[in-house]
N, C-alpha and C. Protein backbone atom coordinates (compact mmCIF):
# COMPACT_ATOMS: atom_id res chain seq x y z
N MET A 1 98.18 109.35 93.45
CA MET A 1 98.25 107.37 93.98
C MET A 1 99.23 107.79 95.43
N ALA A 2 98.47 106.97 96.17
CA ALA A 2 99.38 107.88 97.07
C ALA A 2 100.27 105.69 97.68
N SER A 3 101.33 106.32 98.29
CA SER A 3 101.84 105.28 98.81
C SER A 3 102.40 105.40 99.87
N GLY A 4 102.52 104.18 101.14
CA GLY A 4 102.84 104.36 102.29
C GLY A 4 102.24 103.93 103.24
N LEU A 5 102.44 103.63 104.69
CA LEU A 5 101.27 103.51 105.85
C LEU A 5 101.82 104.62 106.63
N ASN A 6 100.47 105.51 107.06
CA ASN A 6 100.69 106.50 107.92
C ASN A 6 100.77 105.54 109.56
N LYS A 7 101.32 106.65 110.43
CA LYS A 7 101.58 106.21 111.60
C LYS A 7 101.02 105.08 112.45
N MET A 8 99.85 105.09 112.57
CA MET A 8 99.32 104.15 113.59
C MET A 8 98.65 102.73 112.44
N ALA A 9 98.85 103.02 111.47
CA ALA A 9 99.24 101.22 110.72
C ALA A 9 100.70 101.32 110.40
N ALA A 10 101.54 101.57 110.81
CA ALA A 10 102.68 101.13 110.84
C ALA A 10 103.21 100.77 112.03
N ARG A 11 102.84 101.02 113.26
CA ARG A 11 102.71 100.54 114.39
C ARG A 11 102.44 99.39 114.50
N VAL A 12 100.68 99.26 113.98
CA VAL A 12 99.52 98.28 114.12
C VAL A 12 100.66 96.73 112.87
N LEU A 13 101.09 96.97 112.19
CA LEU A 13 101.49 96.15 111.14
C LEU A 13 103.03 95.99 111.82
N THR A 14 104.18 96.92 112.95
CA THR A 14 105.01 96.56 113.60
C THR A 14 105.17 95.60 114.15
N CYS A 15 104.15 95.79 114.99
CA CYS A 15 103.17 94.83 116.53
C CYS A 15 103.11 93.67 115.90
N LEU A 16 102.16 93.52 114.31
CA LEU A 16 102.27 92.11 114.37
C LEU A 16 103.38 91.42 113.84
N PHE A 17 104.22 92.01 113.34
CA PHE A 17 105.85 90.97 112.88
C PHE A 17 106.35 91.23 114.08
N THR A 18 106.40 91.62 114.87
CA THR A 18 106.91 91.04 115.94
C THR A 18 106.59 90.37 117.03
N THR A 19 105.28 89.91 117.13
CA THR A 19 104.97 88.98 117.91
C THR A 19 105.57 87.57 117.22
N ASP A 20 106.09 86.50 117.84
CA ASP A 20 105.80 85.05 117.36
C ASP A 20 105.05 84.98 116.68
N SER A 21 104.18 84.53 116.42
CA SER A 21 103.01 83.78 115.79
C SER A 21 102.56 84.73 114.78
N GLY A 22 102.74 86.09 114.66
CA GLY A 22 101.86 86.57 113.83
C GLY A 22 100.43 87.41 113.80
N SER A 23 99.99 87.29 114.79
CA SER A 23 98.70 87.39 115.48
C SER A 23 98.03 87.90 116.29
N LEU A 24 97.28 89.15 116.14
CA LEU A 24 96.91 89.37 117.53
C LEU A 24 95.56 89.50 117.67
N THR A 25 95.09 89.69 118.67
CA THR A 25 93.28 90.55 118.85
C THR A 25 93.37 91.88 118.51
N ALA A 26 92.02 92.62 118.10
CA ALA A 26 92.06 94.21 118.70
C ALA A 26 92.45 94.44 119.75
N SER A 27 91.88 93.14 121.04
CA SER A 27 91.93 94.53 122.07
C SER A 27 93.58 94.11 122.39
N GLU A 28 94.65 93.17 122.11
CA GLU A 28 95.21 93.42 122.10
C GLU A 28 96.37 94.09 121.78
N LEU A 29 96.43 94.49 120.42
CA LEU A 29 97.48 95.41 119.20
C LEU A 29 96.74 96.45 120.50
N ALA A 30 95.86 96.76 120.81
CA ALA A 30 95.33 98.16 121.36
C ALA A 30 96.00 98.48 122.76
N GLN A 31 96.26 97.42 123.46
CA GLN A 31 96.53 97.45 124.96
C GLN A 31 98.69 97.18 124.32
N ARG A 32 98.55 96.44 123.18
CA ARG A 32 100.64 96.88 122.77
C ARG A 32 100.75 98.34 123.03
N LEU A 33 100.12 98.76 121.96
CA LEU A 33 100.34 99.99 121.83
C LEU A 33 99.93 101.42 122.39
N GLN A 34 98.68 100.93 123.71
CA GLN A 34 98.42 101.68 124.13
C GLN A 34 97.71 103.02 123.45
N VAL A 35 97.02 102.27 122.59
CA VAL A 35 95.93 104.03 121.90
C VAL A 35 94.81 102.78 122.07
N SER A 36 93.32 103.12 121.97
CA SER A 36 92.24 103.54 121.31
C SER A 36 91.84 102.17 120.02
N PRO A 37 91.13 101.48 121.27
CA PRO A 37 90.31 100.57 119.38
C PRO A 37 90.08 101.01 118.12
N ALA A 38 88.94 101.88 118.68
CA ALA A 38 88.48 102.45 117.49
C ALA A 38 90.37 102.93 116.10
N SER A 39 91.41 102.94 117.21
CA SER A 39 92.49 103.49 116.50
C SER A 39 93.52 102.50 115.66
N ILE A 40 92.85 101.11 116.22
CA ILE A 40 92.93 100.03 116.08
C ILE A 40 92.21 99.26 114.58
N SER A 41 91.20 99.90 114.73
CA SER A 41 90.01 99.40 113.91
C SER A 41 89.91 99.90 112.54
N LYS A 42 90.53 101.07 112.10
CA LYS A 42 90.89 102.60 111.24
C LYS A 42 92.14 101.68 110.76
N ALA A 43 93.17 101.49 111.50
CA ALA A 43 94.63 101.11 110.84
C ALA A 43 94.06 99.64 110.57
N ILE A 44 93.19 98.90 110.98
CA ILE A 44 93.54 97.81 110.57
C ILE A 44 92.62 97.68 109.17
N THR A 45 91.76 98.29 108.66
CA THR A 45 90.73 98.45 107.89
C THR A 45 91.53 98.81 107.00
N PHE A 46 92.49 99.35 106.88
CA PHE A 46 94.18 100.46 105.78
C PHE A 46 93.95 99.18 105.51
N LEU A 47 95.31 97.64 106.23
CA LEU A 47 95.83 97.63 105.61
C LEU A 47 95.24 95.88 105.65
N GLU A 48 93.74 95.96 105.84
CA GLU A 48 93.30 95.19 104.74
C GLU A 48 92.89 94.99 103.87
N GLY A 49 92.79 96.49 103.95
CA GLY A 49 92.33 97.01 101.59
C GLY A 49 93.37 97.56 101.50
N GLN A 50 94.83 97.36 101.95
CA GLN A 50 95.84 96.83 100.75
C GLN A 50 96.05 95.35 100.99
N SER A 51 96.10 94.54 101.49
CA SER A 51 96.38 93.19 101.57
C SER A 51 97.61 92.74 102.44
N LEU A 52 97.28 93.70 103.60
CA LEU A 52 98.73 93.85 104.66
C LEU A 52 98.76 92.69 105.55
N VAL A 53 97.44 92.90 106.09
CA VAL A 53 96.29 91.59 107.11
C VAL A 53 96.06 91.33 106.63
N ARG A 54 94.99 90.03 106.76
CA ARG A 54 94.36 88.93 107.16
C ARG A 54 93.78 89.24 108.05
N ARG A 55 92.10 88.96 107.95
CA ARG A 55 91.23 88.57 109.86
C ARG A 55 91.18 86.79 109.74
N GLU A 56 91.54 86.57 110.74
CA GLU A 56 91.25 85.01 110.96
C GLU A 56 89.65 85.21 112.21
N ARG A 57 89.28 84.54 112.90
CA ARG A 57 88.40 83.63 113.81
C ARG A 57 89.56 82.63 114.13
N ASP A 58 89.14 83.19 115.70
CA ASP A 58 89.68 81.86 116.84
C ASP A 58 89.02 81.32 117.29
N GLU A 59 89.60 80.23 118.55
CA GLU A 59 88.49 79.38 118.86
C GLU A 59 88.12 80.03 119.46
N ARG A 60 87.70 81.60 119.94
CA ARG A 60 86.97 82.30 120.67
C ARG A 60 85.95 82.65 119.90
N ARG A 61 85.80 82.87 118.75
CA ARG A 61 85.17 83.50 118.09
C ARG A 61 85.55 85.44 117.53
N ARG A 62 86.62 85.22 118.45
CA ARG A 62 87.73 87.16 118.24
C ARG A 62 88.12 87.01 116.98
N ASP A 63 88.16 87.24 116.41
CA ASP A 63 88.99 87.78 114.81
C ASP A 63 90.48 88.57 115.83
N ARG A 64 90.86 87.73 114.71
CA ARG A 64 92.41 88.31 115.31
C ARG A 64 93.05 87.98 113.67
N TYR A 65 93.93 89.19 114.10
CA TYR A 65 94.79 89.95 112.52
C TYR A 65 95.67 89.85 112.62
N VAL A 66 96.10 88.93 111.42
CA VAL A 66 97.15 87.90 110.91
C VAL A 66 98.26 88.33 109.67
N VAL A 67 99.54 88.15 109.91
CA VAL A 67 100.36 88.47 108.58
C VAL A 67 101.66 87.48 108.87
N ASP A 68 101.76 86.95 107.37
CA ASP A 68 102.89 85.92 107.49
C ASP A 68 103.48 86.07 106.01
N ASP A 69 104.33 85.41 105.32
CA ASP A 69 104.95 85.56 104.73
C ASP A 69 104.50 85.62 103.40
N GLU A 70 103.02 84.85 103.36
CA GLU A 70 102.04 84.76 102.20
C GLU A 70 101.73 86.29 101.74
N LEU A 71 101.14 87.09 102.58
CA LEU A 71 100.77 88.67 102.37
C LEU A 71 101.50 89.34 101.84
N PHE A 72 102.86 89.30 101.90
CA PHE A 72 103.90 90.26 100.91
C PHE A 72 103.83 90.13 99.66
N TYR A 73 103.54 89.04 99.40
CA TYR A 73 103.39 88.21 97.78
C TYR A 73 102.46 88.46 97.40
N GLN A 74 101.73 88.68 98.10
CA GLN A 74 99.55 88.29 97.40
C GLN A 74 99.45 90.29 97.59
N ALA A 75 100.05 90.91 98.38
CA ALA A 75 99.70 92.32 98.29
C ALA A 75 100.91 93.09 96.75
N THR A 76 101.69 92.41 97.19
CA THR A 76 102.65 92.94 95.78
C THR A 76 101.70 92.28 94.24
N ILE A 77 101.46 91.66 94.13
CA ILE A 77 100.36 90.96 93.38
C ILE A 77 99.29 91.73 93.13
N ALA A 78 98.86 92.00 93.67
CA ALA A 78 97.71 92.92 94.27
C ALA A 78 97.98 94.32 93.25
N SER A 79 99.30 95.00 94.43
CA SER A 79 99.83 96.10 94.10
C SER A 79 99.84 96.43 92.22
N ALA A 80 100.93 95.24 91.70
CA ALA A 80 100.63 95.00 90.41
C ALA A 80 99.44 95.23 89.77
N ARG A 81 98.82 94.08 89.74
CA ARG A 81 96.87 94.23 89.23
C ARG A 81 96.34 95.39 89.39
N ALA A 82 96.65 96.07 90.02
CA ALA A 82 95.86 97.67 90.07
C ALA A 82 96.20 97.92 88.47
N ASN A 83 97.55 98.62 87.99
CA ASN A 83 97.71 99.01 87.26
C ASN A 83 96.82 98.78 86.17
N ASP A 84 96.39 97.01 86.30
CA ASP A 84 95.60 97.31 85.48
C ASP A 84 94.19 98.35 84.76
N GLN A 85 94.05 98.88 85.49
CA GLN A 85 92.52 99.65 85.35
C GLN A 85 93.40 100.77 85.14
N LEU A 86 94.73 101.61 85.76
CA LEU A 86 95.22 102.55 84.79
C LEU A 86 95.78 102.37 83.56
N VAL A 87 95.86 100.90 83.09
CA VAL A 87 96.24 101.61 81.56
C VAL A 87 95.24 100.47 80.61
N GLU A 88 94.02 100.17 81.51
CA GLU A 88 92.57 100.05 80.34
C GLU A 88 92.72 101.78 80.25
N THR A 89 92.32 102.92 80.78
CA THR A 89 92.08 103.45 81.51
C THR A 89 92.07 104.51 80.40
N ALA A 90 94.07 104.54 80.03
CA ALA A 90 95.04 105.30 79.38
C ALA A 90 94.23 104.45 78.05
N ARG A 91 94.44 103.40 77.72
CA ARG A 91 93.83 103.15 76.09
C ARG A 91 92.55 103.01 75.90
N GLN A 92 91.77 103.70 76.80
CA GLN A 92 90.43 104.69 76.62
C GLN A 92 91.02 106.05 76.21
N GLY A 93 91.45 106.30 76.72
CA GLY A 93 91.98 108.14 76.22
C GLY A 93 92.02 108.14 74.79
N VAL A 94 93.23 106.81 74.53
CA VAL A 94 93.92 106.69 73.53
C VAL A 94 92.76 106.72 71.72
N ALA A 95 92.13 105.91 72.61
CA ALA A 95 90.76 105.99 71.13
C ALA A 95 89.83 106.96 71.44
N LEU A 96 89.50 107.22 72.31
CA LEU A 96 88.77 108.96 72.32
C LEU A 96 89.58 110.10 71.60
N LEU A 97 90.74 109.99 71.75
CA LEU A 97 91.49 111.11 71.71
C LEU A 97 91.91 111.32 70.11
N GLY A 98 91.95 109.54 69.72
CA GLY A 98 92.24 109.08 68.20
C GLY A 98 94.49 109.66 68.23
N PRO A 99 94.69 108.13 68.30
CA PRO A 99 95.79 107.78 67.80
C PRO A 99 97.21 108.42 67.52
N GLN A 100 96.67 109.86 66.44
CA GLN A 100 97.17 110.55 66.03
C GLN A 100 97.89 111.71 66.84
N THR A 101 97.25 111.94 67.64
CA THR A 101 97.95 113.57 68.82
C THR A 101 98.55 113.01 69.61
N PRO A 102 99.21 113.88 70.44
CA PRO A 102 101.16 113.67 70.98
C PRO A 102 100.27 113.46 72.20
N ALA A 103 98.94 114.12 72.91
CA ALA A 103 97.78 113.72 74.18
C ALA A 103 97.72 111.88 73.50
N ALA A 104 96.92 111.53 72.60
CA ALA A 104 97.12 110.06 72.55
C ALA A 104 98.55 109.49 72.62
N ALA A 105 99.94 109.77 72.25
CA ALA A 105 101.00 109.41 72.25
C ALA A 105 101.60 108.93 73.51
N ARG A 106 101.02 110.14 74.61
CA ARG A 106 101.10 110.03 76.00
C ARG A 106 101.03 108.88 76.85
N LEU A 107 99.25 108.95 75.99
CA LEU A 107 98.44 107.94 77.09
C LEU A 107 98.85 106.20 77.00
N GLU A 108 99.52 106.68 75.41
CA GLU A 108 99.46 105.04 75.12
C GLU A 108 101.29 104.71 75.77
N ASN A 109 101.99 106.06 75.46
CA ASN A 109 103.26 105.35 76.41
C ASN A 109 103.40 105.47 78.26
N ILE A 110 102.34 106.18 78.36
CA ILE A 110 102.17 105.56 79.70
C ILE A 110 101.48 103.88 79.79
N ALA A 111 100.90 103.67 79.46
CA ALA A 111 99.98 102.14 79.34
C ALA A 111 100.78 101.62 78.65
N ARG A 112 102.18 101.45 78.06
CA ARG A 112 103.15 100.73 77.80
C ARG A 112 103.36 100.53 78.93
N PHE A 113 103.94 101.24 79.60
CA PHE A 113 105.19 101.77 80.87
C PHE A 113 104.37 101.36 81.79
N LEU A 114 102.97 101.26 81.75
CA LEU A 114 103.07 100.47 83.15
C LEU A 114 102.60 99.21 82.89
N ASP A 115 101.69 98.80 81.74
CA ASP A 115 102.50 97.44 81.50
C ASP A 115 103.28 96.72 81.84
N PHE A 116 104.53 97.17 81.11
CA PHE A 116 105.57 96.66 81.48
C PHE A 116 105.73 96.49 82.31
N ILE A 117 106.04 96.92 83.32
CA ILE A 117 106.14 97.58 85.09
C ILE A 117 104.96 96.83 85.41
N SER A 118 104.36 96.82 85.16
CA SER A 118 103.26 95.46 86.21
C SER A 118 103.83 93.85 86.16
N GLU A 119 103.89 93.60 84.41
CA GLU A 119 104.45 91.93 83.70
C GLU A 119 105.63 92.25 84.73
N SER A 120 106.57 92.95 85.20
CA SER A 120 107.97 92.86 85.48
C SER A 120 107.83 92.60 87.36
N ILE A 121 107.12 92.93 87.93
CA ILE A 121 106.65 92.93 89.57
C ILE A 121 106.57 91.24 89.41
N ILE A 122 104.76 91.70 88.79
CA ILE A 122 104.54 90.61 89.05
C ILE A 122 105.56 88.71 88.36
N ARG A 123 106.37 88.95 87.13
CA ARG A 123 107.47 87.42 86.97
C ARG A 123 108.59 87.90 88.51
N ALA A 124 108.85 89.08 88.96
CA ALA A 124 109.98 88.99 90.33
C ALA A 124 109.47 88.54 91.44
N ALA A 125 107.84 88.91 91.85
CA ALA A 125 107.12 88.70 93.22
C ALA A 125 107.32 86.84 92.81
N GLU A 126 106.69 86.53 91.24
CA GLU A 126 106.85 84.37 91.28
C GLU A 126 108.05 84.25 91.97
N GLN A 127 108.84 85.04 91.02
CA GLN A 127 110.88 84.44 91.15
C GLN A 127 111.02 84.32 92.56
N ALA A 128 110.85 85.14 93.49
CA ALA A 128 111.19 85.65 94.89
C ALA A 128 110.18 84.85 95.44
N ARG A 129 109.12 84.07 95.42
CA ARG A 129 108.29 83.92 96.14
C ARG A 129 108.95 83.04 97.27
N GLU A 130 109.88 82.61 96.97
CA GLU A 130 110.58 81.37 98.29
C GLU A 130 111.08 81.67 98.74
N VAL A 131 111.63 82.93 98.89
CA VAL A 131 112.56 83.71 99.48
C VAL A 131 111.76 83.74 100.51
N LEU A 132 110.44 83.93 100.50
CA LEU A 132 109.35 84.21 102.11
C LEU A 132 109.05 83.09 102.20
N HIS A 133 109.97 82.09 102.23
CA HIS A 133 108.85 80.96 102.89
C HIS A 133 110.64 80.31 103.36
N ASN A 134 111.81 80.47 102.47
CA ASN A 134 113.10 80.27 103.61
C ASN A 134 113.28 80.95 104.81
N ARG A 135 113.56 79.44 106.07
CA ARG A 135 114.25 80.15 107.09
C ARG A 135 115.33 80.91 107.45
N PRO A 136 115.40 82.16 108.29
CA PRO A 136 116.90 82.53 108.09
C PRO A 136 117.96 81.80 108.40
N GLU A 137 117.89 81.18 109.34
CA GLU A 137 118.94 80.02 109.67
C GLU A 137 119.30 79.50 108.01
N ALA A 138 118.74 78.83 106.89
CA ALA A 138 119.05 78.17 105.92
C ALA A 138 119.44 79.34 105.58
N ALA A 139 119.33 80.58 104.90
CA ALA A 139 119.54 81.96 103.99
C ALA A 139 120.75 81.56 104.41
N ALA A 140 121.10 81.97 105.71
CA ALA A 140 122.00 82.32 106.21
C ALA A 140 123.39 81.58 105.64
N ALA A 141 122.92 80.05 106.45
CA ALA A 141 123.69 79.13 105.23
C ALA A 141 124.07 79.54 104.37
N GLN A 142 123.73 79.95 103.82
CA GLN A 142 123.79 79.55 101.88
C GLN A 142 124.71 80.89 101.47
N LEU A 143 124.72 81.74 102.58
CA LEU A 143 125.55 82.63 102.34
C LEU A 143 127.57 82.97 101.92
N SER A 144 128.02 82.93 101.12
CA SER A 144 129.35 82.79 101.43
C SER A 144 130.00 84.18 102.25
N PRO A 145 131.64 84.14 102.43
CA PRO A 145 132.17 85.34 103.21
C PRO A 145 131.68 86.93 101.92
N ASP A 146 132.03 86.47 100.96
CA ASP A 146 131.39 87.80 100.18
C ASP A 146 130.76 87.70 99.79
N GLN A 147 129.41 87.02 100.46
CA GLN A 147 127.89 87.20 99.55
C GLN A 147 127.06 87.48 101.20
N ASP A 148 126.44 88.92 100.36
CA ASP A 148 125.60 89.48 100.97
C ASP A 148 124.13 88.91 101.04
N GLN A 149 123.91 88.97 100.00
CA GLN A 149 122.97 87.58 99.59
C GLN A 149 122.52 86.28 98.52
N PRO A 150 121.98 85.25 99.17
CA PRO A 150 122.20 84.45 98.46
C PRO A 150 122.29 84.21 96.69
N GLY A 151 123.56 83.76 96.18
CA GLY A 151 123.76 83.49 95.06
C GLY A 151 123.91 84.76 94.40
N VAL A 152 124.49 85.78 94.90
CA VAL A 152 124.56 87.68 94.72
C VAL A 152 126.04 87.86 95.22
N ALA A 153 126.81 87.31 94.60
CA ALA A 153 128.40 88.01 94.47
C ALA A 153 128.54 89.24 94.91
N LEU A 154 129.50 90.23 95.84
CA LEU A 154 129.92 91.03 95.71
C LEU A 154 131.15 91.54 95.56
N THR A 155 131.52 92.18 94.77
CA THR A 155 133.18 92.95 94.48
C THR A 155 132.89 94.02 95.38
N ARG A 156 133.85 93.69 96.93
CA ARG A 156 134.46 95.11 97.52
C ARG A 156 135.35 96.07 97.21
N VAL A 157 135.51 97.29 97.55
CA VAL A 157 136.06 98.44 97.21
C VAL A 157 137.27 98.51 98.02
N PRO A 158 138.90 97.93 97.31
CA PRO A 158 139.53 98.08 98.69
C PRO A 158 139.49 99.57 99.17
N GLY A 159 139.94 99.28 100.58
CA GLY A 159 139.60 100.56 101.27
C GLY A 159 138.52 101.25 101.98
N GLN A 160 137.36 100.21 101.25
CA GLN A 160 136.06 100.34 101.45
C GLN A 160 135.35 99.57 102.90
N SER A 161 135.54 98.87 103.37
CA SER A 161 134.99 97.80 104.02
C SER A 161 133.72 98.03 104.94
N GLY A 162 133.18 97.29 103.87
CA GLY A 162 131.91 96.50 103.99
C GLY A 162 130.67 97.48 102.89
N GLN A 163 131.93 98.65 102.40
CA GLN A 163 131.02 98.71 100.74
C GLN A 163 130.79 98.18 99.19
N ALA A 164 129.82 97.00 98.69
CA ALA A 164 129.82 97.10 98.04
C ALA A 164 130.11 97.95 96.32
N ALA A 165 130.91 97.47 95.82
CA ALA A 165 131.76 98.64 94.68
C ALA A 165 130.20 98.03 93.33
N SER A 166 129.72 96.47 93.30
CA SER A 166 129.42 96.56 92.02
C SER A 166 128.70 94.81 92.18
N ARG A 167 127.67 94.60 91.47
CA ARG A 167 126.89 93.31 91.59
C ARG A 167 127.69 92.20 90.53
N SER A 168 128.02 91.17 90.80
CA SER A 168 128.82 89.91 90.09
C SER A 168 127.26 89.19 89.25
């Protein structure tokens, strides 16, 4: 299982995130990044496959590549649901090997682990979804001087300015 972005995909995603509109055409991306259109095409194909960008048509019928707040939520949900196939495969292995074998026990533990992780990620994404739609000014206004995150107070360690000892 691979994770992370290759260098070009990371550059394209960063370019899109740092535009005010969150949207650029392939030619605009190629020009800004000073790379070939083929490099952009390959990176976009990968990013779309990961649900990190989406394609829209503009008024001139050109493809525009868009990033917005909802995409991170969608990508997180898609990633968690991708584990469902691994869970199913592991459970099929349990049935094939027989539930009393050590290998089947290992596969069942993998299935239960992935099931738990997926459910936890989906639950957390649902709970945190509103964070993606809050404007930074509103979030900053909710912070008190002793908080680094809304609703999460941090205990400061004496003599260690700015370091959190524990969350309360």
